[in-house]
Amino acid sequence: MSWGPDLWDSYHIVVGHVAKGATDLEDVYGKFVKEKAELEKEYAKCLRKLIAKYEPRRIKKENNNEELSENSGFRTFMIETGYQAGQHELLAEHLSKVVVK
């Protein structure tokens, strides 16, 4: 089937079909991205709560006032988890503002 002999009088039908397909995809993708943004935002919020709940207090060694290595490692892990929460917040913001209009 070629455009010339078979579809020359079906231009409006073809354009309508393509436009409907594009609109359907836009609706589906829009809903998906909106829900993903909400999930990212909620996940970031839960990570922040988790960090606040388990944030260690500084425990000093008696002899030279340095933090114990396991406490230092855990604190670093919590800081990195905070950075991850921030990235999820940025992603949620970007998806909701830029992608979903």
C-alpha atoms as a PDB file:
ATOM      1  CA  MET A   1       0.000   0.000   0.000  1.00  0.00           C
ATOM      2  CA  SER A   2       1.410   3.367  -0.957  1.00  0.00           C
ATOM      3  CA  TRP A   3       0.199   6.860  -0.286  1.00  0.00           C
ATOM      4  CA  GLY A   4      -0.599   7.737  -3.864  1.00  0.00           C
ATOM      5  CA  PRO A   5      -3.064   5.203  -5.250  1.00  0.00           C
ATOM      6  CA  ASP A   6      -4.433   3.718  -2.002  1.00  0.00           C
ATOM      7  CA  LEU A   7      -4.648   6.570   0.496  1.00  0.00           C
ATOM      8  CA  TRP A   8      -4.943   9.702  -1.610  1.00  0.00           C
ATOM      9  CA  ASP A   9      -8.513  10.343  -0.440  1.00  0.00           C
ATOM     10  CA  SER A  10      -7.979   9.170   3.186  1.00  0.00           C
ATOM     11  CA  TYR A  11      -5.778  11.988   4.418  1.00  0.00           C
ATOM     12  CA  HIS A  12      -8.206  13.110   7.164  1.00  0.00           C
ATOM     13  CA  ILE A  13      -8.700   9.547   8.392  1.00  0.00           C
ATOM     14  CA  VAL A  14      -4.945   8.939   8.653  1.00  0.00           C
ATOM     15  CA  VAL A  15      -4.298  12.271  10.390  1.00  0.00           C
ATOM     16  CA  GLY A  16      -7.162  11.611  12.810  1.00  0.00           C
ATOM     17  CA  HIS A  17      -5.818   8.157  13.621  1.00  0.00           C
ATOM     18  CA  VAL A  18      -2.299   9.473  14.268  1.00  0.00           C
ATOM     19  CA  ALA A  19      -3.596  12.370  16.384  1.00  0.00           C
ATOM     20  CA  LYS A  20      -5.754  10.037  18.492  1.00  0.00           C
ATOM     21  CA  GLY A  21      -2.793   7.739  19.070  1.00  0.00           C
ATOM     22  CA  ALA A  22      -0.609  10.655  20.145  1.00  0.00           C
ATOM     23  CA  THR A  23      -3.299  11.925  22.519  1.00  0.00           C
ATOM     24  CA  ASP A  24      -3.765   8.469  24.052  1.00  0.00           C
ATOM     25  CA  LEU A  25      -0.013   8.097  24.600  1.00  0.00           C
ATOM     26  CA  GLU A  26       0.191  11.564  26.112  1.00  0.00           C
ATOM     27  CA  ASP A  27      -2.580  10.701  28.574  1.00  0.00           C
ATOM     28  CA  VAL A  28      -1.002   7.395  29.595  1.00  0.00           C
ATOM     29  CA  TYR A  29       2.532   8.807  29.904  1.00  0.00           C
ATOM     30  CA  GLY A  30       1.261  11.876  31.711  1.00  0.00           C
ATOM     31  CA  LYS A  31      -0.524   9.782  34.330  1.00  0.00           C
ATOM     32  CA  PHE A  32       2.504   7.518  34.730  1.00  0.00           C
ATOM     33  CA  VAL A  33       4.936  10.399  35.205  1.00  0.00           C
ATOM     34  CA  LYS A  34       2.585  12.157  37.621  1.00  0.00           C
ATOM     35  CA  GLU A  35       2.290   9.029  39.772  1.00  0.00           C
ATOM     36  CA  LYS A  36       6.065   8.479  39.604  1.00  0.00           C
ATOM     37  CA  ALA A  37       6.657  12.056  40.797  1.00  0.00           C
ATOM     38  CA  GLU A  38       4.318  11.489  43.733  1.00  0.00           C
ATOM     39  CA  LEU A  39       6.116   8.252  44.636  1.00  0.00           C
ATOM     40  CA  GLU A  40       9.528   9.924  44.423  1.00  0.00           C
ATOM     41  CA  LYS A  41       8.340  12.727  46.690  1.00  0.00           C
ATOM     42  CA  GLU A  42       6.902  10.282  49.228  1.00  0.00           C
ATOM     43  CA  TYR A  43      10.064   8.148  49.141  1.00  0.00           C
ATOM     44  CA  ALA A  44      12.247  11.194  49.797  1.00  0.00           C
ATOM     45  CA  LYS A  45      10.004  12.177  52.698  1.00  0.00           C
ATOM     46  CA  CYS A  46      10.268   8.676  54.191  1.00  0.00           C
ATOM     47  CA  LEU A  47      14.064   8.699  53.810  1.00  0.00           C
ATOM     48  CA  ARG A  48      14.233  12.002  55.673  1.00  0.00           C
ATOM     49  CA  LYS A  49      12.103  10.558  58.495  1.00  0.00           C
ATOM     50  CA  LEU A  50      14.334   7.487  58.662  1.00  0.00           C
ATOM     51  CA  ILE A  51      17.448   9.637  58.902  1.00  0.00           C
ATOM     52  CA  ALA A  52      15.923  11.740  61.671  1.00  0.00           C
ATOM     53  CA  LYS A  53      14.922   8.603  63.573  1.00  0.00           C
ATOM     54  CA  TYR A  54      18.327   6.909  63.453  1.00  0.00           C
ATOM     55  CA  GLU A  55      20.727   9.814  63.407  1.00  0.00           C
ATOM     56  CA  PRO A  56      23.463   8.872  65.868  1.00  0.00           C
ATOM     57  CA  ARG A  57      24.616  11.133  68.600  1.00  0.00           C
ATOM     58  CA  ARG A  58      28.306  11.922  68.679  1.00  0.00           C
ATOM     59  CA  ILE A  59      30.033   9.559  71.044  1.00  0.00           C
ATOM     60  CA  LYS A  60      33.551  10.611  71.874  1.00  0.00           C
ATOM     61  CA  LYS A  61      36.434   8.443  72.958  1.00  0.00           C
ATOM     62  CA  GLU A  62      37.634   9.366  76.370  1.00  0.00           C
ATOM     63  CA  ASN A  63      41.326   9.592  75.596  1.00  0.00           C
ATOM     64  CA  ASN A  64      41.553  11.935  72.578  1.00  0.00           C
ATOM     65  CA  ASN A  65      37.975  13.125  71.884  1.00  0.00           C
ATOM     66  CA  GLU A  66      37.749  11.475  68.462  1.00  0.00           C
ATOM     67  CA  GLU A  67      34.559   9.906  67.237  1.00  0.00           C
ATOM     68  CA  LEU A  68      34.524   6.111  67.157  1.00  0.00           C
ATOM     69  CA  SER A  69      35.054   4.691  63.670  1.00  0.00           C
ATOM     70  CA  GLU A  70      31.748   2.785  63.637  1.00  0.00           C
ATOM     71  CA  ASN A  71      29.899   5.965  64.604  1.00  0.00           C
ATOM     72  CA  SER A  72      31.776   7.950  62.001  1.00  0.00           C
ATOM     73  CA  GLY A  73      30.965   5.356  59.330  1.00  0.00           C
ATOM     74  CA  PHE A  74      27.305   5.278  60.276  1.00  0.00           C
ATOM     75  CA  ARG A  75      27.150   9.086  60.253  1.00  0.00           C
ATOM     76  CA  THR A  76      28.673   9.105  56.751  1.00  0.00           C
ATOM     77  CA  PHE A  77      26.105   6.531  55.639  1.00  0.00           C
ATOM     78  CA  MET A  78      23.307   8.723  57.010  1.00  0.00           C
ATOM     79  CA  ILE A  79      24.696  11.775  55.220  1.00  0.00           C
ATOM     80  CA  GLU A  80      24.776   9.855  51.933  1.00  0.00           C
ATOM     81  CA  THR A  81      21.194   8.700  52.518  1.00  0.00           C
ATOM     82  CA  GLY A  82      20.270  12.357  52.994  1.00  0.00           C
ATOM     83  CA  TYR A  83      21.876  13.149  49.651  1.00  0.00           C
ATOM     84  CA  GLN A  84      19.839  10.366  48.047  1.00  0.00           C
ATOM     85  CA  ALA A  85      16.661  11.817  49.546  1.00  0.00           C
ATOM     86  CA  GLY A  86      17.611  15.169  48.049  1.00  0.00           C
ATOM     87  CA  GLN A  87      18.043  13.603  44.612  1.00  0.00           C
ATOM     88  CA  HIS A  88      14.621  11.979  44.866  1.00  0.00           C
ATOM     89  CA  GLU A  89      13.150  15.360  45.826  1.00  0.00           C
ATOM     90  CA  LEU A  90      14.788  17.005  42.822  1.00  0.00           C
ATOM     91  CA  LEU A  91      13.536  14.269  40.511  1.00  0.00           C
ATOM     92  CA  ALA A  92       9.996  14.599  41.877  1.00  0.00           C
ATOM     93  CA  GLU A  93      10.101  18.367  41.421  1.00  0.00           C
ATOM     94  CA  HIS A  94      11.460  18.090  37.884  1.00  0.00           C
ATOM     95  CA  LEU A  95       8.881  15.503  36.862  1.00  0.00           C
ATOM     96  CA  SER A  96       5.976  17.447  38.291  1.00  0.00           C
ATOM     97  CA  LYS A  97       7.028  20.851  36.935  1.00  0.00           C
ATOM     98  CA  VAL A  98       8.679  20.109  33.612  1.00  0.00           C
ATOM     99  CA  VAL A  99       7.317  16.809  32.351  1.00  0.00           C
ATOM    100  CA  VAL A 100       3.745  16.963  33.675  1.00  0.00           C
ATOM    101  CA  LYS A 101       2.227  20.321  32.800  1.00  0.00           C
END
